[in-house]
């Protein structure tokens, strides 16, 4: 079971370095967290996801690049149920 970090912009910045050091971690960008710089996470090999509805609401319909997997709320629920949640939102 991996750690699943839920990051929004307000305090999500604090979770980025922690998640980057967590081998096997998964990060989901929610709400304004879609604006966070995920470069360090991607270089560390962390799986990064973003919620499609949150991207759309913020005019980021094209996603955040090929390294960030776009998911819907049902996929988010699946990730929450199959991983240990660490919440930075």
N, C-alpha and C. Protein backbone atom coordinates (compact mmCIF):
# COMPACT_ATOMS: atom_id res chain seq x y z
N UNK A 1 0.85 -1.17 0.00
CA UNK A 1 0.00 0.00 0.00
C UNK A 1 0.89 1.23 0.00
N UNK A 2 0.71 2.08 -0.98
CA UNK A 2 1.50 3.30 -1.11
C UNK A 2 0.84 4.45 -0.35
N UNK A 3 1.63 5.47 -0.06
CA UNK A 3 1.07 6.69 0.49
C UNK A 3 0.49 7.52 -0.65
N UNK A 4 -0.72 8.00 -0.47
CA UNK A 4 -1.39 8.83 -1.45
C UNK A 4 -1.52 10.23 -0.87
N UNK A 5 -0.82 11.17 -1.46
CA UNK A 5 -0.84 12.56 -0.98
C UNK A 5 -1.90 13.34 -1.75
N UNK A 6 -2.81 13.97 -1.03
CA UNK A 6 -3.80 14.86 -1.62
C UNK A 6 -3.30 16.28 -1.39
N UNK A 7 -3.00 17.00 -2.47
CA UNK A 7 -2.41 18.33 -2.35
C UNK A 7 -3.28 19.39 -3.01
N UNK A 8 -3.61 20.42 -2.24
CA UNK A 8 -4.19 21.62 -2.84
C UNK A 8 -3.16 22.73 -2.70
N UNK A 9 -3.47 23.91 -3.19
CA UNK A 9 -2.46 24.97 -3.22
C UNK A 9 -2.20 25.58 -1.85
N UNK A 10 -3.21 25.69 -1.02
CA UNK A 10 -3.07 26.41 0.25
C UNK A 10 -1.90 25.89 1.08
N UNK A 11 -1.87 24.61 1.40
CA UNK A 11 -0.74 24.05 2.16
C UNK A 11 -0.07 22.90 1.41
N UNK A 12 -0.49 22.66 0.21
CA UNK A 12 0.08 21.58 -0.58
C UNK A 12 1.55 21.76 -0.86
N UNK A 13 1.99 23.03 -0.92
CA UNK A 13 3.40 23.31 -1.14
C UNK A 13 4.26 22.62 -0.07
N UNK A 14 3.73 22.52 1.15
CA UNK A 14 4.44 21.85 2.24
C UNK A 14 4.58 20.35 2.00
N UNK A 15 3.63 19.76 1.30
CA UNK A 15 3.65 18.33 1.06
C UNK A 15 4.54 17.90 -0.08
N UNK A 16 4.88 18.84 -0.99
CA UNK A 16 5.69 18.47 -2.14
C UNK A 16 7.03 17.84 -1.77
N UNK A 17 7.84 18.47 -0.90
CA UNK A 17 9.13 17.85 -0.59
C UNK A 17 9.00 16.54 0.18
N UNK A 18 7.96 16.42 0.97
CA UNK A 18 7.74 15.18 1.71
C UNK A 18 7.40 14.05 0.74
N UNK A 19 6.49 14.32 -0.19
CA UNK A 19 6.10 13.32 -1.18
C UNK A 19 7.27 12.95 -2.08
N UNK A 20 8.11 13.92 -2.42
CA UNK A 20 9.26 13.65 -3.30
C UNK A 20 10.25 12.69 -2.65
N UNK A 21 10.30 12.65 -1.33
CA UNK A 21 11.21 11.77 -0.62
C UNK A 21 10.60 10.40 -0.31
N UNK A 22 9.33 10.24 -0.60
CA UNK A 22 8.59 9.02 -0.28
C UNK A 22 8.59 8.08 -1.47
N UNK A 23 9.43 7.06 -1.41
CA UNK A 23 9.51 6.12 -2.54
C UNK A 23 8.18 5.38 -2.69
N UNK A 24 7.69 5.33 -3.90
CA UNK A 24 6.43 4.66 -4.18
C UNK A 24 5.20 5.52 -3.93
N UNK A 25 5.41 6.79 -3.58
CA UNK A 25 4.28 7.68 -3.30
C UNK A 25 3.48 7.98 -4.56
N UNK A 26 2.23 8.35 -4.33
CA UNK A 26 1.34 8.84 -5.38
C UNK A 26 0.81 10.17 -4.90
N UNK A 27 0.69 11.14 -5.82
CA UNK A 27 0.21 12.47 -5.47
C UNK A 27 -0.97 12.80 -6.35
N UNK A 28 -2.04 13.30 -5.72
CA UNK A 28 -3.21 13.78 -6.47
C UNK A 28 -3.34 15.27 -6.22
N UNK A 29 -3.33 16.04 -7.30
CA UNK A 29 -3.53 17.48 -7.23
C UNK A 29 -5.03 17.75 -7.29
N UNK A 30 -5.54 18.39 -6.23
CA UNK A 30 -6.96 18.68 -6.17
C UNK A 30 -7.16 20.19 -6.03
N UNK A 31 -8.30 20.66 -6.45
CA UNK A 31 -8.67 22.07 -6.37
C UNK A 31 -7.55 22.93 -6.96
N UNK A 32 -7.08 23.97 -6.23
CA UNK A 32 -6.02 24.83 -6.74
C UNK A 32 -4.65 24.17 -6.71
N UNK A 33 -4.57 22.95 -6.22
CA UNK A 33 -3.32 22.21 -6.25
C UNK A 33 -2.84 21.94 -7.66
N UNK A 34 -3.72 22.05 -8.63
CA UNK A 34 -3.32 21.84 -10.03
C UNK A 34 -2.32 22.90 -10.49
N UNK A 35 -2.18 23.98 -9.73
CA UNK A 35 -1.21 25.03 -10.06
C UNK A 35 0.19 24.75 -9.50
N UNK A 36 0.34 23.75 -8.65
CA UNK A 36 1.63 23.46 -8.03
C UNK A 36 2.65 22.96 -9.05
N UNK A 37 3.91 23.27 -8.82
CA UNK A 37 5.00 22.80 -9.67
C UNK A 37 5.33 21.35 -9.30
N UNK A 38 5.06 20.45 -10.20
CA UNK A 38 5.28 19.03 -9.93
C UNK A 38 6.61 18.50 -10.47
N UNK A 39 7.44 19.38 -10.99
CA UNK A 39 8.73 18.97 -11.53
C UNK A 39 9.55 18.13 -10.58
N UNK A 40 9.73 18.58 -9.31
CA UNK A 40 10.52 17.77 -8.37
C UNK A 40 9.92 16.39 -8.12
N UNK A 41 8.61 16.30 -8.10
CA UNK A 41 7.95 15.01 -7.91
C UNK A 41 8.24 14.09 -9.08
N UNK A 42 8.11 14.63 -10.27
CA UNK A 42 8.32 13.81 -11.47
C UNK A 42 9.77 13.35 -11.57
N UNK A 43 10.71 14.22 -11.21
CA UNK A 43 12.13 13.83 -11.23
C UNK A 43 12.42 12.75 -10.19
N UNK A 44 11.64 12.74 -9.11
CA UNK A 44 11.81 11.73 -8.06
C UNK A 44 11.10 10.43 -8.39
N UNK A 45 10.36 10.39 -9.50
CA UNK A 45 9.67 9.18 -9.91
C UNK A 45 8.32 8.98 -9.23
N UNK A 46 7.77 10.03 -8.66
CA UNK A 46 6.47 9.95 -7.99
C UNK A 46 5.36 10.00 -9.05
N UNK A 47 4.36 9.14 -8.89
CA UNK A 47 3.19 9.18 -9.78
C UNK A 47 2.35 10.39 -9.41
N UNK A 48 2.03 11.22 -10.42
CA UNK A 48 1.26 12.43 -10.17
C UNK A 48 -0.04 12.37 -10.97
N UNK A 49 -1.14 12.68 -10.28
CA UNK A 49 -2.47 12.70 -10.87
C UNK A 49 -3.08 14.08 -10.66
N UNK A 50 -4.02 14.45 -11.52
CA UNK A 50 -4.79 15.68 -11.34
C UNK A 50 -6.25 15.36 -11.66
N UNK A 51 -7.15 15.94 -10.89
CA UNK A 51 -8.58 15.70 -11.09
C UNK A 51 -9.07 16.53 -12.28
N UNK A 52 -9.66 15.86 -13.25
CA UNK A 52 -10.10 16.50 -14.49
C UNK A 52 -11.04 17.68 -14.25
N UNK A 53 -11.99 17.53 -13.35
CA UNK A 53 -12.95 18.60 -13.10
C UNK A 53 -12.26 19.84 -12.53
N UNK A 54 -11.23 19.64 -11.71
CA UNK A 54 -10.49 20.77 -11.15
C UNK A 54 -9.66 21.46 -12.23
N UNK A 55 -9.10 20.69 -13.14
CA UNK A 55 -8.37 21.28 -14.26
C UNK A 55 -9.31 22.12 -15.13
N UNK A 56 -10.46 21.56 -15.43
CA UNK A 56 -11.42 22.25 -16.30
C UNK A 56 -11.90 23.56 -15.68
N UNK A 57 -12.22 23.54 -14.39
CA UNK A 57 -12.69 24.75 -13.70
C UNK A 57 -11.65 25.87 -13.72
N UNK A 58 -10.39 25.51 -13.87
CA UNK A 58 -9.31 26.50 -13.85
C UNK A 58 -8.73 26.78 -15.23
N UNK A 59 -9.43 26.32 -16.26
CA UNK A 59 -9.02 26.60 -17.63
C UNK A 59 -7.81 25.81 -18.09
N UNK A 60 -7.54 24.71 -17.43
CA UNK A 60 -6.39 23.87 -17.79
C UNK A 60 -6.86 22.59 -18.46
N UNK A 61 -7.79 22.73 -19.38
CA UNK A 61 -8.41 21.57 -20.03
C UNK A 61 -7.40 20.67 -20.74
N UNK A 62 -6.28 21.23 -21.14
CA UNK A 62 -5.27 20.44 -21.87
C UNK A 62 -4.41 19.62 -20.93
N UNK A 63 -4.66 19.70 -19.64
CA UNK A 63 -3.89 18.93 -18.67
C UNK A 63 -2.60 19.63 -18.28
N UNK A 64 -1.73 18.90 -17.65
CA UNK A 64 -0.48 19.47 -17.13
C UNK A 64 0.75 18.80 -17.75
N UNK A 65 0.58 18.20 -18.88
CA UNK A 65 1.69 17.50 -19.53
C UNK A 65 1.51 16.00 -19.43
N UNK A 66 2.31 15.30 -20.18
CA UNK A 66 2.14 13.85 -20.28
C UNK A 66 2.52 13.10 -19.01
N UNK A 67 3.27 13.73 -18.11
CA UNK A 67 3.68 13.05 -16.88
C UNK A 67 2.61 13.07 -15.80
N UNK A 68 1.60 13.92 -15.96
CA UNK A 68 0.51 14.01 -14.98
C UNK A 68 -0.71 13.30 -15.54
N UNK A 69 -1.17 12.30 -14.83
CA UNK A 69 -2.33 11.52 -15.28
C UNK A 69 -3.61 12.22 -14.84
N UNK A 70 -4.49 12.45 -15.78
CA UNK A 70 -5.77 13.10 -15.49
C UNK A 70 -6.78 12.02 -15.10
N UNK A 71 -7.43 12.23 -13.94
CA UNK A 71 -8.40 11.25 -13.43
C UNK A 71 -9.72 11.95 -13.11
N UNK A 72 -10.77 11.16 -13.02
CA UNK A 72 -12.07 11.70 -12.60
C UNK A 72 -12.29 11.34 -11.13
N UNK A 73 -13.43 11.77 -10.58
CA UNK A 73 -13.68 11.54 -9.15
C UNK A 73 -13.81 10.07 -8.79
N UNK A 74 -14.35 9.25 -9.69
CA UNK A 74 -14.46 7.83 -9.35
C UNK A 74 -13.08 7.18 -9.27
N UNK A 75 -12.16 7.61 -10.11
CA UNK A 75 -10.79 7.10 -10.04
C UNK A 75 -10.08 7.61 -8.77
N UNK A 76 -10.41 8.84 -8.36
CA UNK A 76 -9.86 9.37 -7.11
C UNK A 76 -10.33 8.52 -5.93
N UNK A 77 -11.59 8.17 -5.92
CA UNK A 77 -12.12 7.33 -4.85
C UNK A 77 -11.40 5.99 -4.82
N UNK A 78 -11.17 5.40 -5.99
CA UNK A 78 -10.44 4.13 -6.06
C UNK A 78 -9.04 4.27 -5.45
N UNK A 79 -8.34 5.36 -5.78
CA UNK A 79 -7.00 5.59 -5.23
C UNK A 79 -7.06 5.75 -3.71
N UNK A 80 -8.06 6.46 -3.22
CA UNK A 80 -8.21 6.66 -1.78
C UNK A 80 -8.45 5.34 -1.06
N UNK A 81 -9.25 4.48 -1.66
CA UNK A 81 -9.59 3.21 -1.02
C UNK A 81 -8.46 2.19 -1.05
N UNK A 82 -7.52 2.34 -1.98
CA UNK A 82 -6.45 1.35 -2.13
C UNK A 82 -5.09 1.83 -1.66
N UNK A 83 -5.02 3.03 -1.06
CA UNK A 83 -3.76 3.57 -0.59
C UNK A 83 -3.94 4.22 0.78
N UNK A 84 -2.85 4.50 1.44
CA UNK A 84 -2.88 5.22 2.72
C UNK A 84 -2.87 6.72 2.39
N UNK A 85 -3.89 7.45 2.85
CA UNK A 85 -4.03 8.86 2.49
C UNK A 85 -3.25 9.75 3.45
N UNK A 86 -2.48 10.67 2.86
CA UNK A 86 -1.79 11.73 3.57
C UNK A 86 -2.35 13.02 3.00
N UNK A 87 -3.07 13.77 3.80
CA UNK A 87 -3.84 14.91 3.29
C UNK A 87 -3.14 16.24 3.57
N UNK A 88 -2.81 16.96 2.51
CA UNK A 88 -2.29 18.32 2.59
C UNK A 88 -3.25 19.26 1.88
N UNK A 89 -4.51 19.18 2.23
CA UNK A 89 -5.50 20.05 1.60
C UNK A 89 -6.39 20.67 2.66
